[in-house]
Amino acid sequence: MVKSTVFSPPKRSHQAESSLDPCCGGLVSFLEIVEGLFTAGARRERRRKKRCCPQKNGALKVSLDLEKHINYWSSSAQEDLETAEFLIASNRPRHGLFFAHLALEKALKAHICKSTQDLAPRMHNLLRLIEKTNLVFTDKQKEFLAIFDRYQLEGRYPEFWPGKIDLEKAWEQFHQAKEIFQWSMNQL
């Protein structure tokens, strides 16, 4: 029996939404991905994809419109900062500080795209992101960012929710975040 080079999983009656695999054009369903993550067949398929998809292994460079990415990160960062201010003004400080964190994260990702001439990494930790930029942060800024990182966790995972956030403290932290945001955007 000859194996096909395109991944086409067997049809199932309970198959969830299917989509084309962007790499090889094969049909992949969410259930099949979850069910097959740790099977021997799935491991073989991942190895096969590495062979048939050289762009994933760095053998084939794809041209990127980095200016488009930088503009996306910077414009959506500005929008998220405005949303953060609106949410805090609407007495929703936890949500507002989450969006303020998101604004800082996106601003840093714009810097990463510019300085590395590559796509920004998929991470949320502000201190790890600043390591990948050419920006020089003060120790005071780094301390603030380390503390402020908690709001991305609180926005995503309920076990990190601290309870009610004091509105006055939220405004204080928002203004500190906004100051760092504007400083970084001015250097873009």
C-alpha atoms as a PDB file:
ATOM      1  CA  MET A   1       0.000   0.000   0.000  1.00  0.00           C
ATOM      2  CA  VAL A   2       1.409   3.418  -0.990  1.00  0.00           C
ATOM      3  CA  LYS A   3       1.134   6.225   1.554  1.00  0.00           C
ATOM      4  CA  SER A   4      -0.195   9.553   0.351  1.00  0.00           C
ATOM      5  CA  THR A   5       1.852  12.695   0.959  1.00  0.00           C
ATOM      6  CA  VAL A   6      -1.290  14.655   1.901  1.00  0.00           C
ATOM      7  CA  PHE A   7      -2.732  14.040   5.351  1.00  0.00           C
ATOM      8  CA  SER A   8      -6.380  12.997   4.981  1.00  0.00           C
ATOM      9  CA  PRO A   9      -7.742  11.459   8.178  1.00  0.00           C
ATOM     10  CA  PRO A  10     -10.504   8.882   7.939  1.00  0.00           C
ATOM     11  CA  LYS A  11     -14.073  10.202   7.910  1.00  0.00           C
ATOM     12  CA  ARG A  12     -16.019   9.804  11.124  1.00  0.00           C
ATOM     13  CA  SER A  13     -19.686  10.308  11.754  1.00  0.00           C
ATOM     14  CA  HIS A  14     -18.959  12.484  14.804  1.00  0.00           C
ATOM     15  CA  GLN A  15     -16.408  14.618  12.987  1.00  0.00           C
ATOM     16  CA  ALA A  16     -16.365  18.187  14.270  1.00  0.00           C
ATOM     17  CA  GLU A  17     -15.806  21.229  12.116  1.00  0.00           C
ATOM     18  CA  SER A  18     -13.101  20.482   9.595  1.00  0.00           C
ATOM     19  CA  SER A  19     -10.641  22.861   8.086  1.00  0.00           C
ATOM     20  CA  LEU A  20      -7.868  22.688   5.576  1.00  0.00           C
ATOM     21  CA  ASP A  21      -4.492  22.186   7.090  1.00  0.00           C
ATOM     22  CA  PRO A  22      -2.614  25.350   6.021  1.00  0.00           C
ATOM     23  CA  CYS A  23       0.590  23.412   5.565  1.00  0.00           C
ATOM     24  CA  CYS A  24      -0.274  20.455   3.372  1.00  0.00           C
ATOM     25  CA  GLY A  25      -3.871  21.101   2.386  1.00  0.00           C
ATOM     26  CA  GLY A  26      -5.162  17.987   4.164  1.00  0.00           C
ATOM     27  CA  LEU A  27      -8.479  17.869   5.991  1.00  0.00           C
ATOM     28  CA  VAL A  28      -8.058  17.996   9.776  1.00  0.00           C
ATOM     29  CA  SER A  29     -10.802  18.120  12.421  1.00  0.00           C
ATOM     30  CA  PHE A  30     -10.473  19.371  15.947  1.00  0.00           C
ATOM     31  CA  LEU A  31     -11.494  16.004  17.376  1.00  0.00           C
ATOM     32  CA  GLU A  32      -8.921  14.174  15.297  1.00  0.00           C
ATOM     33  CA  ILE A  33      -6.214  16.545  16.448  1.00  0.00           C
ATOM     34  CA  VAL A  34      -7.140  16.074  20.114  1.00  0.00           C
ATOM     35  CA  GLU A  35      -7.664  12.306  19.804  1.00  0.00           C
ATOM     36  CA  GLY A  36      -4.452  11.750  17.870  1.00  0.00           C
ATOM     37  CA  LEU A  37      -2.032  13.965  19.773  1.00  0.00           C
ATOM     38  CA  PHE A  38      -0.224  11.145  21.504  1.00  0.00           C
ATOM     39  CA  THR A  39      -0.709   8.174  19.213  1.00  0.00           C
ATOM     40  CA  ALA A  40       2.134   6.604  17.290  1.00  0.00           C
ATOM     41  CA  GLY A  41       0.376   7.500  14.036  1.00  0.00           C
ATOM     42  CA  ALA A  42       0.201  11.157  15.065  1.00  0.00           C
ATOM     43  CA  ARG A  43       3.913  11.196  15.895  1.00  0.00           C
ATOM     44  CA  ARG A  44       4.701   9.672  12.495  1.00  0.00           C
ATOM     45  CA  GLU A  45       2.482  12.259  10.820  1.00  0.00           C
ATOM     46  CA  ARG A  46       4.261  15.143  12.600  1.00  0.00           C
ATOM     47  CA  ARG A  47       7.611  13.754  11.433  1.00  0.00           C
ATOM     48  CA  ARG A  48       6.240  13.432   7.884  1.00  0.00           C
ATOM     49  CA  LYS A  49       4.990  17.018   7.944  1.00  0.00           C
ATOM     50  CA  LYS A  50       8.467  18.181   8.906  1.00  0.00           C
ATOM     51  CA  ARG A  51       9.808  16.478   5.807  1.00  0.00           C
ATOM     52  CA  CYS A  52       7.100  17.732   3.434  1.00  0.00           C
ATOM     53  CA  CYS A  53       6.884  21.249   4.862  1.00  0.00           C
ATOM     54  CA  PRO A  54      10.390  22.680   4.715  1.00  0.00           C
ATOM     55  CA  GLN A  55       9.209  26.209   5.507  1.00  0.00           C
ATOM     56  CA  LYS A  56       8.427  25.065   9.053  1.00  0.00           C
ATOM     57  CA  ASN A  57      12.031  23.945   9.475  1.00  0.00           C
ATOM     58  CA  GLY A  58      13.585  27.161   8.185  1.00  0.00           C
ATOM     59  CA  ALA A  59      14.662  25.666   4.848  1.00  0.00           C
ATOM     60  CA  LEU A  60      12.288  27.893   2.901  1.00  0.00           C
ATOM     61  CA  LYS A  61      12.056  31.572   3.825  1.00  0.00           C
ATOM     62  CA  VAL A  62       8.688  33.230   3.433  1.00  0.00           C
ATOM     63  CA  SER A  63       8.689  36.929   2.669  1.00  0.00           C
ATOM     64  CA  LEU A  64       6.887  38.916   5.342  1.00  0.00           C
ATOM     65  CA  ASP A  65       5.410  42.369   5.206  1.00  0.00           C
ATOM     66  CA  LEU A  66       6.900  43.430   8.533  1.00  0.00           C
ATOM     67  CA  GLU A  67       5.691  46.999   8.183  1.00  0.00           C
ATOM     68  CA  LYS A  68       2.145  45.628   8.114  1.00  0.00           C
ATOM     69  CA  HIS A  69       2.820  43.690  11.322  1.00  0.00           C
ATOM     70  CA  ILE A  70       4.390  46.690  13.033  1.00  0.00           C
ATOM     71  CA  ASN A  71       1.414  48.861  12.064  1.00  0.00           C
ATOM     72  CA  TYR A  72      -1.008  46.215  13.304  1.00  0.00           C
ATOM     73  CA  TRP A  73       0.702  45.887  16.687  1.00  0.00           C
ATOM     74  CA  SER A  74       1.049  49.636  17.217  1.00  0.00           C
ATOM     75  CA  SER A  75      -2.463  50.623  16.088  1.00  0.00           C
ATOM     76  CA  SER A  76      -4.187  47.848  18.038  1.00  0.00           C
ATOM     77  CA  ALA A  77      -2.041  48.717  21.067  1.00  0.00           C
ATOM     78  CA  GLN A  78      -3.323  52.295  20.936  1.00  0.00           C
ATOM     79  CA  GLU A  79      -6.897  51.033  20.646  1.00  0.00           C
ATOM     80  CA  ASP A  80      -6.419  48.697  23.624  1.00  0.00           C
ATOM     81  CA  LEU A  81      -5.044  51.526  25.751  1.00  0.00           C
ATOM     82  CA  GLU A  82      -8.117  53.631  24.982  1.00  0.00           C
ATOM     83  CA  THR A  83     -10.329  50.645  25.832  1.00  0.00           C
ATOM     84  CA  ALA A  84      -8.457  50.207  29.119  1.00  0.00           C
ATOM     85  CA  GLU A  85      -9.090  53.807  30.096  1.00  0.00           C
ATOM     86  CA  PHE A  86     -12.784  53.489  29.208  1.00  0.00           C
ATOM     87  CA  LEU A  87     -13.149  50.283  31.243  1.00  0.00           C
ATOM     88  CA  ILE A  88     -11.507  51.744  34.336  1.00  0.00           C
ATOM     89  CA  ALA A  89     -13.676  54.865  34.001  1.00  0.00           C
ATOM     90  CA  SER A  90     -16.666  52.491  33.800  1.00  0.00           C
ATOM     91  CA  ASN A  91     -15.689  51.012  37.175  1.00  0.00           C
ATOM     92  CA  ARG A  92     -14.318  47.805  35.647  1.00  0.00           C
ATOM     93  CA  PRO A  93     -10.695  48.025  36.819  1.00  0.00           C
ATOM     94  CA  ARG A  94      -9.775  44.346  36.393  1.00  0.00           C
ATOM     95  CA  HIS A  95     -10.819  44.405  32.753  1.00  0.00           C
ATOM     96  CA  GLY A  96      -9.231  47.818  32.244  1.00  0.00           C
ATOM     97  CA  LEU A  97      -5.877  46.722  33.616  1.00  0.00           C
ATOM     98  CA  PHE A  98      -6.012  43.590  31.468  1.00  0.00           C
ATOM     99  CA  PHE A  99      -6.403  45.793  28.388  1.00  0.00           C
ATOM    100  CA  ALA A 100      -3.641  48.123  29.602  1.00  0.00           C
ATOM    101  CA  HIS A 101      -1.363  45.084  29.857  1.00  0.00           C
ATOM    102  CA  LEU A 102      -2.465  44.032  26.371  1.00  0.00           C
ATOM    103  CA  ALA A 103      -1.586  47.497  25.057  1.00  0.00           C
ATOM    104  CA  LEU A 104       1.917  47.297  26.529  1.00  0.00           C
ATOM    105  CA  GLU A 105       2.345  43.774  25.186  1.00  0.00           C
ATOM    106  CA  LYS A 106       1.376  44.847  21.664  1.00  0.00           C
ATOM    107  CA  ALA A 107       3.617  47.909  21.766  1.00  0.00           C
ATOM    108  CA  LEU A 108       6.531  45.668  22.718  1.00  0.00           C
ATOM    109  CA  LYS A 109       5.654  43.241  19.936  1.00  0.00           C
ATOM    110  CA  ALA A 110       5.790  46.121  17.441  1.00  0.00           C
ATOM    111  CA  HIS A 111       9.314  46.859  18.701  1.00  0.00           C
ATOM    112  CA  ILE A 112      10.279  43.205  18.420  1.00  0.00           C
ATOM    113  CA  CYS A 113       9.131  43.072  14.790  1.00  0.00           C
ATOM    114  CA  LYS A 114      11.111  46.216  14.045  1.00  0.00           C
ATOM    115  CA  SER A 115      14.303  45.211  15.826  1.00  0.00           C
ATOM    116  CA  THR A 116      14.447  41.529  14.856  1.00  0.00           C
ATOM    117  CA  GLN A 117      12.910  41.851  11.385  1.00  0.00           C
ATOM    118  CA  ASP A 118      10.821  38.818  12.280  1.00  0.00           C
ATOM    119  CA  LEU A 119       7.397  38.031  13.699  1.00  0.00           C
ATOM    120  CA  ALA A 120       6.752  38.681  17.368  1.00  0.00           C
ATOM    121  CA  PRO A 121       6.729  35.654  19.667  1.00  0.00           C
ATOM    122  CA  ARG A 122       3.480  34.313  21.054  1.00  0.00           C
ATOM    123  CA  MET A 123       3.979  35.170  24.686  1.00  0.00           C
ATOM    124  CA  HIS A 124       2.455  37.579  27.177  1.00  0.00           C
ATOM    125  CA  ASN A 125       5.165  38.080  29.799  1.00  0.00           C
ATOM    126  CA  LEU A 126       6.286  41.701  29.554  1.00  0.00           C
ATOM    127  CA  LEU A 127       9.755  41.120  31.003  1.00  0.00           C
ATOM    128  CA  ARG A 128      10.462  38.347  28.520  1.00  0.00           C
ATOM    129  CA  LEU A 129       9.209  40.561  25.694  1.00  0.00           C
ATOM    130  CA  ILE A 130      11.415  43.524  26.638  1.00  0.00           C
ATOM    131  CA  GLU A 131      14.456  41.247  26.462  1.00  0.00           C
ATOM    132  CA  LYS A 132      13.743  40.816  22.753  1.00  0.00           C
ATOM    133  CA  THR A 133      13.549  44.548  21.994  1.00  0.00           C
ATOM    134  CA  ASN A 134      16.271  47.138  21.539  1.00  0.00           C
ATOM    135  CA  LEU A 135      14.683  49.340  24.206  1.00  0.00           C
ATOM    136  CA  VAL A 136      16.588  50.168  27.376  1.00  0.00           C
ATOM    137  CA  PHE A 137      14.266  50.073  30.372  1.00  0.00           C
ATOM    138  CA  THR A 138      15.113  51.477  33.785  1.00  0.00           C
ATOM    139  CA  ASP A 139      15.045  49.226  36.828  1.00  0.00           C
ATOM    140  CA  LYS A 140      11.965  51.103  38.050  1.00  0.00           C
ATOM    141  CA  GLN A 141      10.152  50.390  34.765  1.00  0.00           C
ATOM    142  CA  LYS A 142      11.140  46.720  34.930  1.00  0.00           C
ATOM    143  CA  GLU A 143       9.868  46.460  38.513  1.00  0.00           C
ATOM    144  CA  PHE A 144       6.559  47.976  37.495  1.00  0.00           C
ATOM    145  CA  LEU A 145       6.216  45.644  34.502  1.00  0.00           C
ATOM    146  CA  ALA A 146       6.961  42.611  36.686  1.00  0.00           C
ATOM    147  CA  ILE A 147       4.133  43.614  39.040  1.00  0.00           C
ATOM    148  CA  PHE A 148       1.832  44.661  36.203  1.00  0.00           C
ATOM    149  CA  ASP A 149       2.212  41.244  34.546  1.00  0.00           C
ATOM    150  CA  ARG A 150      -0.283  39.865  37.054  1.00  0.00           C
ATOM    151  CA  TYR A 151      -3.147  41.518  35.172  1.00  0.00           C
ATOM    152  CA  GLN A 152      -2.661  39.389  32.096  1.00  0.00           C
ATOM    153  CA  LEU A 153      -2.972  36.318  34.318  1.00  0.00           C
ATOM    154  CA  GLU A 154      -5.997  37.673  36.160  1.00  0.00           C
ATOM    155  CA  GLY A 155      -7.697  38.378  32.865  1.00  0.00           C
ATOM    156  CA  ARG A 156      -7.171  34.830  31.623  1.00  0.00           C
ATOM    157  CA  TYR A 157      -7.218  32.520  34.643  1.00  0.00           C
ATOM    158  CA  PRO A 158      -9.770  32.772  37.470  1.00  0.00           C
ATOM    159  CA  GLU A 159      -7.450  31.274  40.087  1.00  0.00           C
ATOM    160  CA  PHE A 160      -5.351  34.450  39.844  1.00  0.00           C
ATOM    161  CA  TRP A 161      -8.229  36.860  40.461  1.00  0.00           C
ATOM    162  CA  PRO A 162      -7.382  38.930  43.521  1.00  0.00           C
ATOM    163  CA  GLY A 163     -10.971  39.922  44.222  1.00  0.00           C
ATOM    164  CA  LYS A 164     -12.065  43.513  43.888  1.00  0.00           C
ATOM    165  CA  ILE A 165      -9.352  45.899  42.687  1.00  0.00           C
ATOM    166  CA  ASP A 166      -9.337  49.330  44.287  1.00  0.00           C
ATOM    167  CA  LEU A 167     -10.318  51.932  41.677  1.00  0.00           C
ATOM    168  CA  GLU A 168      -7.781  54.486  42.909  1.00  0.00           C
ATOM    169  CA  LYS A 169      -4.979  51.921  42.692  1.00  0.00           C
ATOM    170  CA  ALA A 170      -6.212  50.897  39.236  1.00  0.00           C
ATOM    171  CA  TRP A 171      -5.965  54.503  38.001  1.00  0.00           C
ATOM    172  CA  GLU A 172      -2.480  54.840  39.482  1.00  0.00           C
ATOM    173  CA  GLN A 173      -1.276  51.678  37.752  1.00  0.00           C
ATOM    174  CA  PHE A 174      -3.014  52.631  34.528  1.00  0.00           C
ATOM    175  CA  HIS A 175      -1.193  55.980  34.453  1.00  0.00           C
ATOM    176  CA  GLN A 176       2.152  54.264  35.070  1.00  0.00           C
ATOM    177  CA  ALA A 177       1.420  51.781  32.281  1.00  0.00           C
ATOM    178  CA  LYS A 178       0.336  54.621  29.981  1.00  0.00           C
ATOM    179  CA  GLU A 179       3.581  56.495  30.670  1.00  0.00           C
ATOM    180  CA  ILE A 180       5.677  53.446  29.714  1.00  0.00           C
ATOM    181  CA  PHE A 181       3.416  52.827  26.727  1.00  0.00           C
ATOM    182  CA  GLN A 182       3.842  56.376  25.383  1.00  0.00           C
ATOM    183  CA  TRP A 183       7.593  56.260  26.020  1.00  0.00           C
ATOM    184  CA  SER A 184       7.921  53.042  24.035  1.00  0.00           C
ATOM    185  CA  MET A 185       5.639  54.196  21.215  1.00  0.00           C
ATOM    186  CA  ASN A 186       7.657  57.406  20.834  1.00  0.00           C
ATOM    187  CA  GLN A 187      10.729  55.271  20.151  1.00  0.00           C
ATOM    188  CA  LEU A 188       9.045  53.154  17.482  1.00  0.00           C
END
